[in-house]
Every structure is written in structure tokens, then in C-alpha cells.
Amino acid sequence: MNDFFYKKVDAYHLAKEFVVLVYGFLRNYPQYEQYALCNQMRRAVISIPSNIAEGLGRMSVKERIHFIEIAFGSLTEVSCQLDYLSNKL
């Protein structure tokens, strides 16, 4: 299964590294954030490489662009939430 195109794309690999980084940060956040904001951040950050992969698996350019836009939206969501948490701690 190494023949999937998305596995050759740098953005996909960077997104996977970002997932690991964010998951590591979230281990250090207070318990009261674990089931609310941290849970939302986990879902958002994992959607970044997932949407890149799904988009690059689509045949139409319009669909590819749509999924890349969703991945970018998730990236900005996580960025905003990291800002919020860093200011809160």
C-alpha cells in the first residue's frame, strides 16, 4: 500500500509530524481542559493529514481542492486553539 500518492507529498508528512507534536503538548495541559478543548484539538489536528490524504485520493481537481481547504481550515483551528491555551497557562 505504499503506492498511494499522498504518501509522497511533503505536506502530508509535515501534517503527521504536527499531529505528534500537538498530542505531546496536550499531555501537559490541565486536567480540566482534557475533555473539552484538548479533545477538540485532537480531532482537528488529526483531520489535517486525513483530509490531505483523502483529497489527494480524489480524481477531480475540484474535490482535491475542497479537501485541501478543509485541511487548511483544521490547521487554522488548531493554531487558534494553541494560542488560546498558551495565553491561558
PDB file of N, CA and C in Angstrom:
ATOM      1  N   MET A   1       0.807  -1.202   0.000  1.00  0.00           N
ATOM      2  CA  MET A   1       0.000   0.000   0.000  1.00  0.00           C
ATOM      3  C   MET A   1       0.848   1.263   0.000  1.00  0.00           C
ATOM      4  N   ASN A   2       2.111   1.174  -0.266  1.00  0.00           N
ATOM      5  CA  ASN A   2       2.957   2.361  -0.325  1.00  0.00           C
ATOM      6  C   ASN A   2       2.836   3.117  -1.628  1.00  0.00           C
ATOM      7  N   ASP A   3       1.950   2.711  -2.500  1.00  0.00           N
ATOM      8  CA  ASP A   3       1.814   3.344  -3.798  1.00  0.00           C
ATOM      9  C   ASP A   3       0.839   4.511  -3.794  1.00  0.00           C
ATOM     10  N   PHE A   4       0.234   4.825  -2.657  1.00  0.00           N
ATOM     11  CA  PHE A   4      -0.682   5.952  -2.612  1.00  0.00           C
ATOM     12  C   PHE A   4       0.090   7.251  -2.779  1.00  0.00           C
ATOM     13  N   PHE A   5      -0.404   8.127  -3.645  1.00  0.00           N
ATOM     14  CA  PHE A   5       0.278   9.371  -3.982  1.00  0.00           C
ATOM     15  C   PHE A   5       0.494  10.264  -2.766  1.00  0.00           C
ATOM     16  N   TYR A   6      -0.488  10.330  -1.868  1.00  0.00           N
ATOM     17  CA  TYR A   6      -0.376  11.259  -0.739  1.00  0.00           C
ATOM     18  C   TYR A   6       0.834  10.963   0.135  1.00  0.00           C
ATOM     19  N   LYS A   7       1.318   9.723   0.122  1.00  0.00           N
ATOM     20  CA  LYS A   7       2.473   9.363   0.945  1.00  0.00           C
ATOM     21  C   LYS A   7       3.772   9.955   0.407  1.00  0.00           C
ATOM     22  N   LYS A   8       3.719  10.511  -0.791  1.00  0.00           N
ATOM     23  CA  LYS A   8       4.900  11.133  -1.398  1.00  0.00           C
ATOM     24  C   LYS A   8       4.871  12.657  -1.269  1.00  0.00           C
ATOM     25  N   VAL A   9       3.861  13.185  -0.627  1.00  0.00           N
ATOM     26  CA  VAL A   9       3.675  14.636  -0.543  1.00  0.00           C
ATOM     27  C   VAL A   9       4.225  15.152   0.786  1.00  0.00           C
ATOM     28  N   ASP A  10       5.092  16.162   0.706  1.00  0.00           N
ATOM     29  CA  ASP A  10       5.719  16.725   1.905  1.00  0.00           C
ATOM     30  C   ASP A  10       4.694  17.265   2.902  1.00  0.00           C
ATOM     31  N   ALA A  11       3.647  17.903   2.412  1.00  0.00           N
ATOM     32  CA  ALA A  11       2.638  18.476   3.311  1.00  0.00           C
ATOM     33  C   ALA A  11       1.989  17.393   4.174  1.00  0.00           C
ATOM     34  N   TYR A  12       1.795  16.230   3.621  1.00  0.00           N
ATOM     35  CA  TYR A  12       1.226  15.118   4.386  1.00  0.00           C
ATOM     36  C   TYR A  12       2.159  14.710   5.519  1.00  0.00           C
ATOM     37  N   HIS A  13       3.445  14.592   5.226  1.00  0.00           N
ATOM     38  CA  HIS A  13       4.409  14.188   6.253  1.00  0.00           C
ATOM     39  C   HIS A  13       4.563  15.265   7.325  1.00  0.00           C
ATOM     40  N   LEU A  14       4.551  16.524   6.918  1.00  0.00           N
ATOM     41  CA  LEU A  14       4.622  17.617   7.892  1.00  0.00           C
ATOM     42  C   LEU A  14       3.381  17.624   8.785  1.00  0.00           C
ATOM     43  N   ALA A  15       2.237  17.348   8.196  1.00  0.00           N
ATOM     44  CA  ALA A  15       0.991  17.308   8.968  1.00  0.00           C
ATOM     45  C   ALA A  15       1.039  16.182   9.996  1.00  0.00           C
ATOM     46  N   LYS A  16       1.585  15.033   9.615  1.00  0.00           N
ATOM     47  CA  LYS A  16       1.716  13.923  10.568  1.00  0.00           C
ATOM     48  C   LYS A  16       2.659  14.296  11.714  1.00  0.00           C
ATOM     49  N   GLU A  17       3.742  14.983  11.406  1.00  0.00           N
ATOM     50  CA  GLU A  17       4.653  15.436  12.458  1.00  0.00           C
ATOM     51  C   GLU A  17       3.954  16.429  13.388  1.00  0.00           C
ATOM     52  N   PHE A  18       3.115  17.285  12.816  1.00  0.00           N
ATOM     53  CA  PHE A  18       2.366  18.255  13.604  1.00  0.00           C
ATOM     54  C   PHE A  18       1.411  17.546  14.562  1.00  0.00           C
ATOM     55  N   VAL A  19       0.799  16.461  14.103  1.00  0.00           N
ATOM     56  CA  VAL A  19      -0.097  15.666  14.964  1.00  0.00           C
ATOM     57  C   VAL A  19       0.668  15.175  16.191  1.00  0.00           C
ATOM     58  N   VAL A  20       1.835  14.604  15.959  1.00  0.00           N
ATOM     59  CA  VAL A  20       2.643  14.080  17.067  1.00  0.00           C
ATOM     60  C   VAL A  20       3.028  15.210  18.020  1.00  0.00           C
ATOM     61  N   LEU A  21       3.413  16.348  17.474  1.00  0.00           N
ATOM     62  CA  LEU A  21       3.798  17.496  18.283  1.00  0.00           C
ATOM     63  C   LEU A  21       2.640  17.987  19.149  1.00  0.00           C
ATOM     64  N   VAL A  22       1.473  18.153  18.542  1.00  0.00           N
ATOM     65  CA  VAL A  22       0.309  18.650  19.285  1.00  0.00           C
ATOM     66  C   VAL A  22      -0.119  17.646  20.347  1.00  0.00           C
ATOM     67  N   TYR A  23      -0.159  16.375  20.009  1.00  0.00           N
ATOM     68  CA  TYR A  23      -0.511  15.358  21.009  1.00  0.00           C
ATOM     69  C   TYR A  23       0.443  15.422  22.203  1.00  0.00           C
ATOM     70  N   GLY A  24       1.720  15.650  21.929  1.00  0.00           N
ATOM     71  CA  GLY A  24       2.698  15.780  23.009  1.00  0.00           C
ATOM     72  C   GLY A  24       2.417  16.991  23.884  1.00  0.00           C
ATOM     73  N   PHE A  25       2.093  18.127  23.263  1.00  0.00           N
ATOM     74  CA  PHE A  25       1.760  19.334  24.026  1.00  0.00           C
ATOM     75  C   PHE A  25       0.538  19.112  24.898  1.00  0.00           C
ATOM     76  N   LEU A  26      -0.438  18.414  24.362  1.00  0.00           N
ATOM     77  CA  LEU A  26      -1.705  18.255  25.078  1.00  0.00           C
ATOM     78  C   LEU A  26      -1.566  17.412  26.343  1.00  0.00           C
ATOM     79  N   ARG A  27      -0.550  16.578  26.410  1.00  0.00           N
ATOM     80  CA  ARG A  27      -0.327  15.786  27.622  1.00  0.00           C
ATOM     81  C   ARG A  27      -0.030  16.676  28.826  1.00  0.00           C
ATOM     82  N   ASN A  28       0.470  17.883  28.570  1.00  0.00           N
ATOM     83  CA  ASN A  28       0.875  18.783  29.646  1.00  0.00           C
ATOM     84  C   ASN A  28      -0.200  19.782  30.058  1.00  0.00           C
ATOM     85  N   TYR A  29      -1.319  19.782  29.369  1.00  0.00           N
ATOM     86  CA  TYR A  29      -2.363  20.742  29.709  1.00  0.00           C
ATOM     87  C   TYR A  29      -3.154  20.274  30.915  1.00  0.00           C
ATOM     88  N   PRO A  30      -3.773  21.218  31.615  1.00  0.00           N
ATOM     89  CA  PRO A  30      -4.513  20.887  32.842  1.00  0.00           C
ATOM     90  C   PRO A  30      -5.638  19.885  32.594  1.00  0.00           C
ATOM     91  N   GLN A  31      -5.953  19.136  33.621  1.00  0.00           N
ATOM     92  CA  GLN A  31      -6.983  18.101  33.550  1.00  0.00           C
ATOM     93  C   GLN A  31      -8.332  18.673  33.117  1.00  0.00           C
ATOM     94  N   TYR A  32      -8.659  19.871  33.582  1.00  0.00           N
ATOM     95  CA  TYR A  32      -9.971  20.446  33.257  1.00  0.00           C
ATOM     96  C   TYR A  32     -10.131  20.747  31.768  1.00  0.00           C
ATOM     97  N   GLU A  33      -9.031  20.785  31.015  1.00  0.00           N
ATOM     98  CA  GLU A  33      -9.116  21.010  29.568  1.00  0.00           C
ATOM     99  C   GLU A  33      -9.107  19.708  28.773  1.00  0.00           C
ATOM    100  N   GLN A  34      -8.829  18.574  29.408  1.00  0.00           N
ATOM    101  CA  GLN A  34      -8.631  17.326  28.688  1.00  0.00           C
ATOM    102  C   GLN A  34      -9.865  16.844  27.934  1.00  0.00           C
ATOM    103  N   TYR A  35     -11.041  17.096  28.461  1.00  0.00           N
ATOM    104  CA  TYR A  35     -12.246  16.536  27.840  1.00  0.00           C
ATOM    105  C   TYR A  35     -13.020  17.562  27.028  1.00  0.00           C
ATOM    106  N   ALA A  36     -12.511  18.754  26.922  1.00  0.00           N
ATOM    107  CA  ALA A  36     -13.215  19.780  26.153  1.00  0.00           C
ATOM    108  C   ALA A  36     -12.305  20.262  25.030  1.00  0.00           C
ATOM    109  N   LEU A  37     -11.538  21.293  25.323  1.00  0.00           N
ATOM    110  CA  LEU A  37     -10.711  21.903  24.292  1.00  0.00           C
ATOM    111  C   LEU A  37      -9.636  20.950  23.767  1.00  0.00           C
ATOM    112  N   CYS A  38      -8.986  20.217  24.637  1.00  0.00           N
ATOM    113  CA  CYS A  38      -7.942  19.287  24.178  1.00  0.00           C
ATOM    114  C   CYS A  38      -8.518  18.193  23.288  1.00  0.00           C
ATOM    115  N   ASN A  39      -9.679  17.714  23.622  1.00  0.00           N
ATOM    116  CA  ASN A  39     -10.336  16.701  22.797  1.00  0.00           C
ATOM    117  C   ASN A  39     -10.655  17.263  21.409  1.00  0.00           C
ATOM    118  N   GLN A  40     -11.138  18.498  21.371  1.00  0.00           N
ATOM    119  CA  GLN A  40     -11.433  19.149  20.087  1.00  0.00           C
ATOM    120  C   GLN A  40     -10.147  19.331  19.280  1.00  0.00           C
ATOM    121  N   MET A  41      -9.073  19.689  19.950  1.00  0.00           N
ATOM    122  CA  MET A  41      -7.800  19.879  19.247  1.00  0.00           C
ATOM    123  C   MET A  41      -7.286  18.565  18.671  1.00  0.00           C
ATOM    124  N   ARG A  42      -7.466  17.486  19.409  1.00  0.00           N
ATOM    125  CA  ARG A  42      -7.041  16.171  18.885  1.00  0.00           C
ATOM    126  C   ARG A  42      -7.798  15.838  17.607  1.00  0.00           C
ATOM    127  N   ARG A  43      -9.104  16.068  17.625  1.00  0.00           N
ATOM    128  CA  ARG A  43      -9.911  15.771  16.425  1.00  0.00           C
ATOM    129  C   ARG A  43      -9.510  16.672  15.258  1.00  0.00           C
ATOM    130  N   ALA A  44      -9.264  17.946  15.545  1.00  0.00           N
ATOM    131  CA  ALA A  44      -8.910  18.887  14.480  1.00  0.00           C
ATOM    132  C   ALA A  44      -7.537  18.583  13.897  1.00  0.00           C
ATOM    133  N   VAL A  45      -6.565  18.287  14.753  1.00  0.00           N
ATOM    134  CA  VAL A  45      -5.211  18.084  14.246  1.00  0.00           C
ATOM    135  C   VAL A  45      -5.100  16.795  13.435  1.00  0.00           C
ATOM    136  N   ILE A  46      -5.819  15.757  13.833  1.00  0.00           N
ATOM    137  CA  ILE A  46      -5.749  14.510  13.067  1.00  0.00           C
ATOM    138  C   ILE A  46      -6.477  14.640  11.731  1.00  0.00           C
ATOM    139  N   SER A  47      -7.390  15.592  11.646  1.00  0.00           N
ATOM    140  CA  SER A  47      -8.102  15.783  10.381  1.00  0.00           C
ATOM    141  C   SER A  47      -7.224  16.433   9.318  1.00  0.00           C
ATOM    142  N   ILE A  48      -6.124  17.053   9.725  1.00  0.00           N
ATOM    143  CA  ILE A  48      -5.252  17.702   8.738  1.00  0.00           C
ATOM    144  C   ILE A  48      -4.636  16.673   7.790  1.00  0.00           C
ATOM    145  N   PRO A  49      -3.840  15.712   8.282  1.00  0.00           N
ATOM    146  CA  PRO A  49      -3.297  14.732   7.325  1.00  0.00           C
ATOM    147  C   PRO A  49      -4.380  13.842   6.719  1.00  0.00           C
ATOM    148  N   SER A  50      -5.454  13.603   7.468  1.00  0.00           N
ATOM    149  CA  SER A  50      -6.533  12.770   6.930  1.00  0.00           C
ATOM    150  C   SER A  50      -7.173  13.413   5.711  1.00  0.00           C
ATOM    151  N   ASN A  51      -7.428  14.713   5.782  1.00  0.00           N
ATOM    152  CA  ASN A  51      -8.047  15.409   4.649  1.00  0.00           C
ATOM    153  C   ASN A  51      -7.080  15.599   3.493  1.00  0.00           C
ATOM    154  N   ILE A  52      -5.796  15.760   3.797  1.00  0.00           N
ATOM    155  CA  ILE A  52      -4.812  15.811   2.711  1.00  0.00           C
ATOM    156  C   ILE A  52      -4.825  14.480   1.957  1.00  0.00           C
ATOM    157  N   ALA A  53      -4.786  13.381   2.693  1.00  0.00           N
ATOM    158  CA  ALA A  53      -4.791  12.058   2.061  1.00  0.00           C
ATOM    159  C   ALA A  53      -6.071  11.832   1.271  1.00  0.00           C
ATOM    160  N   GLU A  54      -7.212  12.163   1.889  1.00  0.00           N
ATOM    161  CA  GLU A  54      -8.479  11.942   1.178  1.00  0.00           C
ATOM    162  C   GLU A  54      -8.571  12.808  -0.071  1.00  0.00           C
ATOM    163  N   GLY A  55      -8.155  14.054   0.047  1.00  0.00           N
ATOM    164  CA  GLY A  55      -8.213  14.947  -1.112  1.00  0.00           C
ATOM    165  C   GLY A  55      -7.341  14.468  -2.252  1.00  0.00           C
ATOM    166  N   LEU A  56      -6.143  14.006  -1.924  1.00  0.00           N
ATOM    167  CA  LEU A  56      -5.241  13.546  -2.973  1.00  0.00           C
ATOM    168  C   LEU A  56      -5.669  12.203  -3.543  1.00  0.00           C
ATOM    169  N   GLY A  57      -6.592  11.551  -2.880  1.00  0.00           N
ATOM    170  CA  GLY A  57      -7.151  10.312  -3.405  1.00  0.00           C
ATOM    171  C   GLY A  57      -8.332  10.535  -4.333  1.00  0.00           C
ATOM    172  N   ARG A  58      -8.795  11.757  -4.430  1.00  0.00           N
ATOM    173  CA  ARG A  58      -9.937  12.077  -5.305  1.00  0.00           C
ATOM    174  C   ARG A  58      -9.464  12.293  -6.732  1.00  0.00           C
ATOM    175  N   MET A  59     -10.330  12.025  -7.661  1.00  0.00           N
ATOM    176  CA  MET A  59      -9.968  12.136  -9.069  1.00  0.00           C
ATOM    177  C   MET A  59     -10.184  13.539  -9.633  1.00  0.00           C
ATOM    178  N   SER A  60     -11.178  14.246  -9.136  1.00  0.00           N
ATOM    179  CA  SER A  60     -11.437  15.563  -9.709  1.00  0.00           C
ATOM    180  C   SER A  60     -10.636  16.632  -8.974  1.00  0.00           C
ATOM    181  N   VAL A  61     -10.154  17.599  -9.707  1.00  0.00           N
ATOM    182  CA  VAL A  61      -9.381  18.701  -9.141  1.00  0.00           C
ATOM    183  C   VAL A  61     -10.228  19.480  -8.147  1.00  0.00           C
ATOM    184  N   LYS A  62     -11.497  19.667  -8.463  1.00  0.00           N
ATOM    185  CA  LYS A  62     -12.390  20.407  -7.573  1.00  0.00           C
ATOM    186  C   LYS A  62     -12.489  19.724  -6.206  1.00  0.00           C
ATOM    187  N   GLU A  63     -12.622  18.410  -6.195  1.00  0.00           N
ATOM    188  CA  GLU A  63     -12.693  17.680  -4.931  1.00  0.00           C
ATOM    189  C   GLU A  63     -11.362  17.734  -4.183  1.00  0.00           C
ATOM    190  N   ARG A  64     -10.266  17.628  -4.905  1.00  0.00           N
ATOM    191  CA  ARG A  64      -8.947  17.710  -4.265  1.00  0.00           C
ATOM    192  C   ARG A  64      -8.797  19.050  -3.547  1.00  0.00           C
ATOM    193  N   ILE A  65      -9.132  20.109  -4.243  1.00  0.00           N
ATOM    194  CA  ILE A  65      -9.033  21.449  -3.660  1.00  0.00           C
ATOM    195  C   ILE A  65      -9.926  21.564  -2.434  1.00  0.00           C
ATOM    196  N   HIS A  66     -11.123  21.022  -2.508  1.00  0.00           N
ATOM    197  CA  HIS A  66     -12.070  21.092  -1.393  1.00  0.00           C
ATOM    198  C   HIS A  66     -11.470  20.450  -0.130  1.00  0.00           C
ATOM    199  N   PHE A  67     -10.882  19.277  -0.259  1.00  0.00           N
ATOM    200  CA  PHE A  67     -10.322  18.601   0.906  1.00  0.00           C
ATOM    201  C   PHE A  67      -9.065  19.290   1.429  1.00  0.00           C
ATOM    202  N   ILE A  68      -8.270  19.860   0.531  1.00  0.00           N
ATOM    203  CA  ILE A  68      -7.102  20.626   0.973  1.00  0.00           C
ATOM    204  C   ILE A  68      -7.555  21.869   1.733  1.00  0.00           C
ATOM    205  N   GLU A  69      -8.641  22.494   1.282  1.00  0.00           N
ATOM    206  CA  GLU A  69      -9.188  23.641   2.014  1.00  0.00           C
ATOM    207  C   GLU A  69      -9.683  23.232   3.404  1.00  0.00           C
ATOM    208  N   ILE A  70     -10.292  22.070   3.519  1.00  0.00           N
ATOM    209  CA  ILE A  70     -10.734  21.578   4.826  1.00  0.00           C
ATOM    210  C   ILE A  70      -9.525  21.351   5.731  1.00  0.00           C
ATOM    211  N   ALA A  71      -8.461  20.762   5.183  1.00  0.00           N
ATOM    212  CA  ALA A  71      -7.238  20.532   5.963  1.00  0.00           C
ATOM    213  C   ALA A  71      -6.668  21.861   6.449  1.00  0.00           C
ATOM    214  N   PHE A  72      -6.669  22.871   5.584  1.00  0.00           N
ATOM    215  CA  PHE A  72      -6.153  24.180   5.977  1.00  0.00           C
ATOM    216  C   PHE A  72      -7.028  24.800   7.066  1.00  0.00           C
ATOM    217  N   GLY A  73      -8.333  24.626   6.954  1.00  0.00           N
ATOM    218  CA  GLY A  73      -9.233  25.120   7.986  1.00  0.00           C
ATOM    219  C   GLY A  73      -8.957  24.467   9.330  1.00  0.00           C
ATOM    220  N   SER A  74      -8.694  23.183   9.331  1.00  0.00           N
ATOM    221  CA  SER A  74      -8.362  22.480  10.571  1.00  0.00           C
ATOM    222  C   SER A  74      -7.034  22.979  11.130  1.00  0.00           C
ATOM    223  N   LEU A  75      -6.090  23.259  10.259  1.00  0.00           N
ATOM    224  CA  LEU A  75      -4.802  23.790  10.696  1.00  0.00           C
ATOM    225  C   LEU A  75      -4.982  25.144  11.388  1.00  0.00           C
ATOM    226  N   THR A  76      -5.783  26.017  10.801  1.00  0.00           N
ATOM    227  CA  THR A  76      -6.003  27.322  11.427  1.00  0.00           C
ATOM    228  C   THR A  76      -6.777  27.181  12.736  1.00  0.00           C
ATOM    229  N   GLU A  77      -7.686  26.216  12.794  1.00  0.00           N
ATOM    230  CA  GLU A  77      -8.419  25.952  14.037  1.00  0.00           C
ATOM    231  C   GLU A  77      -7.458  25.558  15.158  1.00  0.00           C
ATOM    232  N   VAL A  78      -6.559  24.633  14.876  1.00  0.00           N
ATOM    233  CA  VAL A  78      -5.600  24.184  15.888  1.00  0.00           C
ATOM    234  C   VAL A  78      -4.672  25.332  16.286  1.00  0.00           C
ATOM    235  N   SER A  79      -4.253  26.116  15.327  1.00  0.00           N
ATOM    236  CA  SER A  79      -3.396  27.256  15.617  1.00  0.00           C
ATOM    237  C   SER A  79      -4.085  28.223  16.581  1.00  0.00           C
ATOM    238  N   CYS A  80      -5.339  28.518  16.328  1.00  0.00           N
ATOM    239  CA  CYS A  80      -6.119  29.396  17.200  1.00  0.00           C
ATOM    240  C   CYS A  80      -6.231  28.807  18.599  1.00  0.00           C
ATOM    241  N   GLN A  81      -6.503  27.530  18.683  1.00  0.00           N
ATOM    242  CA  GLN A  81      -6.673  26.883  19.983  1.00  0.00           C
ATOM    243  C   GLN A  81      -5.363  26.804  20.753  1.00  0.00           C
ATOM    244  N   LEU A  82      -4.259  26.592  20.057  1.00  0.00           N
ATOM    245  CA  LEU A  82      -2.956  26.617  20.725  1.00  0.00           C
ATOM    246  C   LEU A  82      -2.655  28.003  21.274  1.00  0.00           C
ATOM    247  N   ASP A  83      -3.009  29.039  20.517  1.00  0.00           N
ATOM    248  CA  ASP A  83      -2.847  30.413  21.002  1.00  0.00           C
ATOM    249  C   ASP A  83      -3.648  30.629  22.270  1.00  0.00           C
ATOM    250  N   TYR A  84      -4.883  30.160  22.243  1.00  0.00           N
ATOM    251  CA  TYR A  84      -5.771  30.315  23.395  1.00  0.00           C
ATOM    252  C   TYR A  84      -5.193  29.632  24.629  1.00  0.00           C
ATOM    253  N   LEU A  85      -4.775  28.395  24.451  1.00  0.00           N
ATOM    254  CA  LEU A  85      -4.242  27.645  25.589  1.00  0.00           C
ATOM    255  C   LEU A  85      -2.921  28.220  26.086  1.00  0.00           C
ATOM    256  N   SER A  86      -2.057  28.671  25.200  1.00  0.00           N
ATOM    257  CA  SER A  86      -0.772  29.217  25.631  1.00  0.00           C
ATOM    258  C   SER A  86      -0.980  30.516  26.407  1.00  0.00           C
ATOM    259  N   ASN A  87      -2.002  31.293  26.056  1.00  0.00           N
ATOM    260  CA  ASN A  87      -2.294  32.522  26.784  1.00  0.00           C
ATOM    261  C   ASN A  87      -2.958  32.235  28.125  1.00  0.00           C
ATOM    262  N   LYS A  88      -3.631  31.117  28.207  1.00  0.00           N
ATOM    263  CA  LYS A  88      -4.373  30.760  29.407  1.00  0.00           C
ATOM    264  C   LYS A  88      -3.463  30.190  30.495  1.00  0.00           C
ATOM    265  N   LEU A  89      -2.370  29.564  30.091  1.00  0.00           N
ATOM    266  CA  LEU A  89      -1.496  28.890  31.070  1.00  0.00           C
ATOM    267  C   LEU A  89      -0.416  29.813  31.591  1.00  0.00           C
TER     268      LEU A  89
END
